[in-house]
Amino acid sequence: MVATGLFTLLFPLPLLWLLSCWWLRRHRGARWRLGSGRRLFADGPALRREENATRALFVTAHPDDEAMFFAPTILSLAQARLWLLCGSTGNYYSQGDVRKKELLDSCLVLGIPPSNVTIIDHRDLPDHPSVEWDTQLLSALILKHVKTNQINLVVTFDARGVSGHLNHKCLYTAVRRLHSEKKFPEGCQVLTLETVNLFRKYISILDAPISYLRSPDVLVVLARKDADLAKRAMQCHHSQLLWFRRLYLFFSRYVVINSLHSL
């Protein structure tokens, strides 16, 4: 019975591999919008501007979110002006000072200069999986950052937070509130990173045709050299490279694929 269950689980993988090879070959060179070798498909209203006019703010919760989850989108915006706002120092295990340095190193690899990285260290925004962050405080901090830097694209987690972390979900709630109350400047777009099920999350590039068929507003699939760059950014987070995160780098689709939806 165990063998039958394992076969049922693994049987689709060769078919997905063949489908992925066909899909990638078919779409090679098809409508990339933001940089050679990087595939960014934008079928909806998102990212309609020329890349060099984009001023993008990535709103994350912890040091390493930018590399674990958003690296494909960040790398696909290589010619844009990029900022990152991190909601905490990642001090859950009292490693905040170390993790701040690791974040700056990772952002350099991804093309975000240290001067454009802001790390919030506020007692009401602790790194904790069961603490709900203050939405009003978060909204005020995000909006100030958007207005100060004339941001016209905000990218953050969706309502499920990719990993289900409560801090991730709180960022979405804050951004959604600003958007629904029309607090963002006119023309400022918001993209949220799609949460996928556990099976899709850990089949790496094999998820590319599935993501495409589900028609997100924006789909980013990295070329191999850029996927290596995303992994190198994550490797800057030495304090977080436990055995399961090393496996994550090998299997996670978020290292090579981002599917995003517009608010």
Protein backbone atom coordinates (compact mmCIF):
# COMPACT_ATOMS: atom_id res chain seq x y z
CA MET A 1 0.00 0.00 0.00
CA VAL A 2 2.88 2.36 0.82
CA ALA A 3 4.55 1.49 -2.49
CA THR A 4 1.31 2.16 -4.36
CA GLY A 5 0.92 5.53 -2.68
CA LEU A 6 4.52 6.47 -3.46
CA PHE A 7 4.06 5.46 -7.10
CA THR A 8 0.89 7.55 -7.34
CA LEU A 9 2.77 10.54 -5.94
CA LEU A 10 5.83 10.21 -8.17
CA PHE A 11 4.16 9.08 -11.40
CA PRO A 12 3.29 12.63 -12.60
CA LEU A 13 6.87 13.89 -12.23
CA PRO A 14 8.30 12.45 -15.50
CA LEU A 15 5.29 13.80 -17.37
CA LEU A 16 5.79 17.21 -15.76
CA TRP A 17 9.47 17.12 -16.69
CA LEU A 18 8.64 16.46 -20.35
CA LEU A 19 5.95 19.14 -20.32
CA SER A 20 8.35 21.63 -18.72
CA CYS A 21 11.03 20.95 -21.35
CA TRP A 22 8.48 21.47 -24.12
CA TRP A 23 7.07 24.60 -22.52
CA LEU A 24 10.45 26.23 -21.93
CA ARG A 25 11.56 25.50 -25.48
CA ARG A 26 8.32 26.84 -26.92
CA HIS A 27 8.51 30.07 -24.94
CA ARG A 28 12.22 30.68 -25.39
CA GLY A 29 12.52 34.27 -26.58
CA ALA A 30 8.78 34.92 -26.21
CA ARG A 31 7.95 38.41 -25.05
CA TRP A 32 10.48 38.96 -22.38
CA ARG A 33 9.97 42.36 -20.98
CA LEU A 34 12.75 42.92 -18.50
CA GLY A 35 16.23 41.82 -19.44
CA SER A 36 17.95 39.27 -21.64
CA GLY A 37 17.84 35.70 -20.46
CA ARG A 38 15.01 36.43 -18.01
CA ARG A 39 11.47 35.48 -18.85
CA LEU A 40 8.79 37.81 -17.63
CA PHE A 41 5.32 37.31 -19.05
CA ALA A 42 2.86 40.08 -18.30
CA ASP A 43 -0.58 39.29 -19.64
CA GLY A 44 -2.44 41.61 -17.27
CA PRO A 45 -2.03 45.28 -16.35
CA ALA A 46 1.03 44.67 -14.19
CA LEU A 47 4.42 45.97 -15.21
CA ARG A 48 3.11 47.92 -18.19
CA ARG A 49 5.80 50.56 -17.76
CA GLU A 50 9.20 50.44 -19.29
CA GLU A 51 11.56 48.79 -16.85
CA ASN A 52 13.87 51.78 -16.50
CA ALA A 53 10.91 53.88 -15.29
CA THR A 54 9.97 51.40 -12.58
CA ARG A 55 10.67 52.27 -8.95
CA ALA A 56 9.86 49.05 -7.14
CA LEU A 57 9.54 48.47 -3.40
CA PHE A 58 9.71 44.91 -2.08
CA VAL A 59 8.02 44.61 1.31
CA THR A 60 9.24 41.58 3.27
CA ALA A 61 8.97 40.39 6.86
CA HIS A 62 12.38 38.89 7.67
CA PRO A 63 15.96 38.86 6.40
CA ASP A 64 16.12 35.99 3.85
CA ASP A 65 12.55 36.50 2.52
CA GLU A 66 13.98 38.44 -0.40
CA ALA A 67 16.15 35.48 -1.46
CA MET A 68 13.86 32.59 -0.48
CA PHE A 69 10.74 33.95 -2.16
CA PHE A 70 11.18 37.11 -4.27
CA ALA A 71 14.54 36.60 -6.01
CA PRO A 72 13.06 35.83 -9.47
CA THR A 73 11.04 39.06 -9.51
CA ILE A 74 13.91 41.14 -8.13
CA LEU A 75 16.34 39.78 -10.72
CA SER A 76 13.84 40.32 -13.52
CA LEU A 77 13.72 43.99 -12.59
CA ALA A 78 17.47 44.36 -12.90
CA GLN A 79 17.30 47.65 -14.81
CA ALA A 80 14.71 49.20 -12.50
CA ARG A 81 15.39 51.18 -9.34
CA LEU A 82 14.80 48.85 -6.41
CA TRP A 83 14.12 49.31 -2.71
CA LEU A 84 13.51 46.80 0.05
CA LEU A 85 11.61 47.36 3.28
CA CYS A 86 12.07 44.54 5.79
CA GLY A 87 9.57 44.46 8.66
CA SER A 88 11.91 43.00 11.30
CA THR A 89 15.53 42.14 12.08
CA GLY A 90 14.75 38.42 12.24
CA ASN A 91 15.63 38.29 15.92
CA TYR A 92 13.49 35.29 16.91
CA TYR A 93 16.63 33.32 17.83
CA SER A 94 18.55 36.42 19.00
CA GLN A 95 20.46 36.67 15.70
CA GLY A 96 19.19 40.09 14.66
CA ASP A 97 22.55 41.82 14.25
CA VAL A 98 23.96 38.94 12.21
CA ARG A 99 20.88 38.71 10.04
CA LYS A 100 20.87 42.42 9.22
CA LYS A 101 24.38 42.09 7.78
CA GLU A 102 23.37 38.97 5.87
CA LEU A 103 20.40 40.81 4.38
CA LEU A 104 22.58 43.63 3.07
CA ASP A 105 24.98 41.11 1.51
CA SER A 106 22.09 39.23 -0.12
CA CYS A 107 20.58 42.42 -1.51
CA LEU A 108 23.91 43.36 -3.07
CA VAL A 109 23.91 40.04 -4.94
CA LEU A 110 20.36 40.71 -6.10
CA GLY A 111 21.15 44.25 -7.23
CA ILE A 112 19.61 46.29 -4.40
CA PRO A 113 22.15 48.78 -2.98
CA PRO A 114 22.53 49.01 0.82
CA SER A 115 21.30 52.62 0.75
CA ASN A 116 17.96 51.35 -0.57
CA VAL A 117 17.48 48.72 2.15
CA THR A 118 15.52 49.64 5.28
CA ILE A 119 15.26 47.20 8.19
CA ILE A 120 12.59 48.01 10.76
CA ASP A 121 13.43 47.28 14.38
CA HIS A 122 10.26 48.04 16.31
CA ARG A 123 9.07 46.39 19.50
CA ASP A 124 5.54 46.06 18.08
CA LEU A 125 6.86 44.21 15.02
CA PRO A 126 8.77 41.24 16.48
CA ASP A 127 9.90 38.29 14.42
CA HIS A 128 7.51 35.70 15.81
CA PRO A 129 5.27 33.15 14.04
CA SER A 130 2.35 33.69 16.42
CA VAL A 131 2.43 37.48 16.82
CA GLU A 132 0.06 39.52 14.68
CA TRP A 133 1.70 42.76 13.65
CA ASP A 134 0.00 46.12 14.11
CA THR A 135 -1.67 46.82 10.74
CA GLN A 136 -1.98 50.55 11.35
CA LEU A 137 1.71 50.86 12.21
CA LEU A 138 2.76 48.76 9.23
CA SER A 139 0.55 50.71 6.86
CA ALA A 140 2.04 54.01 8.02
CA LEU A 141 5.63 52.76 7.61
CA ILE A 142 4.96 51.34 4.14
CA LEU A 143 3.12 54.42 2.90
CA LYS A 144 5.87 56.73 4.15
CA HIS A 145 8.43 54.64 2.25
CA VAL A 146 6.34 54.69 -0.92
CA LYS A 147 5.89 58.45 -0.86
CA THR A 148 9.48 59.28 0.14
CA ASN A 149 10.97 57.19 -2.68
CA GLN A 150 8.28 57.90 -5.30
CA ILE A 151 7.54 54.20 -5.61
CA ASN A 152 5.27 53.11 -8.48
CA LEU A 153 5.34 49.34 -7.89
CA VAL A 154 4.89 47.55 -4.55
CA VAL A 155 5.56 43.80 -4.30
CA THR A 156 4.74 41.73 -1.23
CA PHE A 157 3.18 38.45 -0.04
CA ASP A 158 -0.39 37.38 -0.74
CA ALA A 159 -3.03 36.65 1.90
CA ARG A 160 -1.61 33.18 2.64
CA GLY A 161 1.96 34.45 3.01
CA VAL A 162 3.61 31.69 0.88
CA SER A 163 4.86 29.82 3.95
CA GLY A 164 1.84 30.61 6.12
CA HIS A 165 3.91 32.74 8.51
CA LEU A 166 1.67 35.19 10.35
CA ASN A 167 4.15 38.06 9.88
CA HIS A 168 3.97 37.54 6.10
CA LYS A 169 0.18 37.63 6.17
CA CYS A 170 0.22 40.87 8.17
CA LEU A 171 2.22 42.58 5.43
CA TYR A 172 -0.45 41.65 2.91
CA THR A 173 -3.17 42.96 5.23
CA ALA A 174 -1.38 46.30 5.58
CA VAL A 175 -0.73 46.68 1.84
CA ARG A 176 -4.26 45.60 1.00
CA ARG A 177 -5.62 48.19 3.40
CA LEU A 178 -3.59 50.97 1.80
CA HIS A 179 -4.72 49.86 -1.64
CA SER A 180 -8.41 49.53 -0.77
CA GLU A 181 -8.43 52.92 0.96
CA LYS A 182 -6.68 54.43 -2.08
CA LYS A 183 -3.80 55.71 0.04
CA PHE A 184 -1.11 54.84 -2.51
CA PRO A 185 -0.14 57.57 -4.99
CA GLU A 186 -1.99 57.51 -8.30
CA GLY A 187 -0.48 54.99 -10.70
CA CYS A 188 1.22 52.91 -8.01
CA GLN A 189 0.66 49.23 -8.78
CA VAL A 190 0.62 46.40 -6.25
CA LEU A 191 1.67 42.81 -6.97
CA THR A 192 1.32 39.93 -4.51
CA LEU A 193 3.33 36.73 -4.66
CA GLU A 194 1.11 33.71 -5.19
CA THR A 195 1.04 30.95 -2.58
CA VAL A 196 0.94 27.49 -4.18
CA ASN A 197 0.18 24.10 -2.67
CA LEU A 198 2.90 21.95 -1.09
CA PHE A 199 3.33 19.67 -4.12
CA ARG A 200 3.84 22.56 -6.54
CA LYS A 201 6.06 24.40 -4.08
CA TYR A 202 8.70 21.68 -4.17
CA ILE A 203 8.88 20.61 -7.82
CA SER A 204 11.15 23.49 -8.87
CA ILE A 205 11.13 24.25 -12.62
CA LEU A 206 8.54 21.53 -13.22
CA ASP A 207 5.93 23.98 -11.97
CA ALA A 208 6.53 26.38 -14.86
CA PRO A 209 3.84 25.04 -17.25
CA ILE A 210 1.35 24.68 -14.38
CA SER A 211 1.94 28.29 -13.34
CA TYR A 212 1.56 29.45 -16.94
CA LEU A 213 -1.73 27.62 -17.43
CA ARG A 214 -3.16 29.22 -14.28
CA SER A 215 -2.72 32.64 -15.95
CA PRO A 216 -1.21 34.89 -13.25
CA ASP A 217 -0.92 38.59 -14.02
CA VAL A 218 2.85 38.23 -14.02
CA LEU A 219 4.92 35.06 -14.41
CA VAL A 220 8.68 35.11 -13.95
CA VAL A 221 10.81 32.08 -14.85
CA LEU A 222 14.55 32.55 -14.40
CA ALA A 223 17.20 31.33 -16.77
CA ARG A 224 19.78 29.03 -15.20
CA LYS A 225 22.44 31.70 -14.67
CA ASP A 226 19.98 33.88 -12.80
CA ALA A 227 18.71 30.94 -10.77
CA ASP A 228 22.32 30.43 -9.67
CA LEU A 229 22.42 34.09 -8.65
CA ALA A 230 19.25 33.63 -6.59
CA LYS A 231 20.86 30.68 -4.80
CA ARG A 232 24.00 32.72 -4.17
CA ALA A 233 21.88 35.43 -2.55
CA MET A 234 20.35 32.88 -0.20
CA GLN A 235 23.80 31.53 0.63
CA CYS A 236 24.62 34.96 2.08
CA HIS A 237 22.28 34.05 4.94
CA HIS A 238 24.82 31.76 6.60
CA SER A 239 22.99 31.69 9.92
CA GLN A 240 19.88 30.28 8.24
CA LEU A 241 21.45 27.58 6.07
CA LEU A 242 20.26 24.58 8.02
CA TRP A 243 19.93 21.27 6.18
CA PHE A 244 16.27 21.76 5.26
CA ARG A 245 16.96 25.19 3.73
CA ARG A 246 19.72 23.67 1.60
CA LEU A 247 17.10 21.22 0.31
CA TYR A 248 14.78 24.18 -0.22
CA LEU A 249 17.31 25.79 -2.56
CA PHE A 250 17.34 22.65 -4.67
CA PHE A 251 13.63 21.85 -4.78
CA SER A 252 11.64 25.07 -4.26
CA ARG A 253 9.93 26.62 -7.25
CA TYR A 254 10.29 30.06 -5.60
CA VAL A 255 14.01 30.00 -6.37
CA VAL A 256 13.26 30.00 -10.11
CA ILE A 257 9.55 30.88 -10.49
CA ASN A 258 7.39 33.72 -9.24
CA SER A 259 3.73 34.03 -10.17
CA LEU A 260 2.15 37.29 -9.07
CA HIS A 261 -1.30 38.84 -9.02
CA SER A 262 -2.38 42.48 -9.13
CA LEU A 263 -4.54 44.02 -6.46
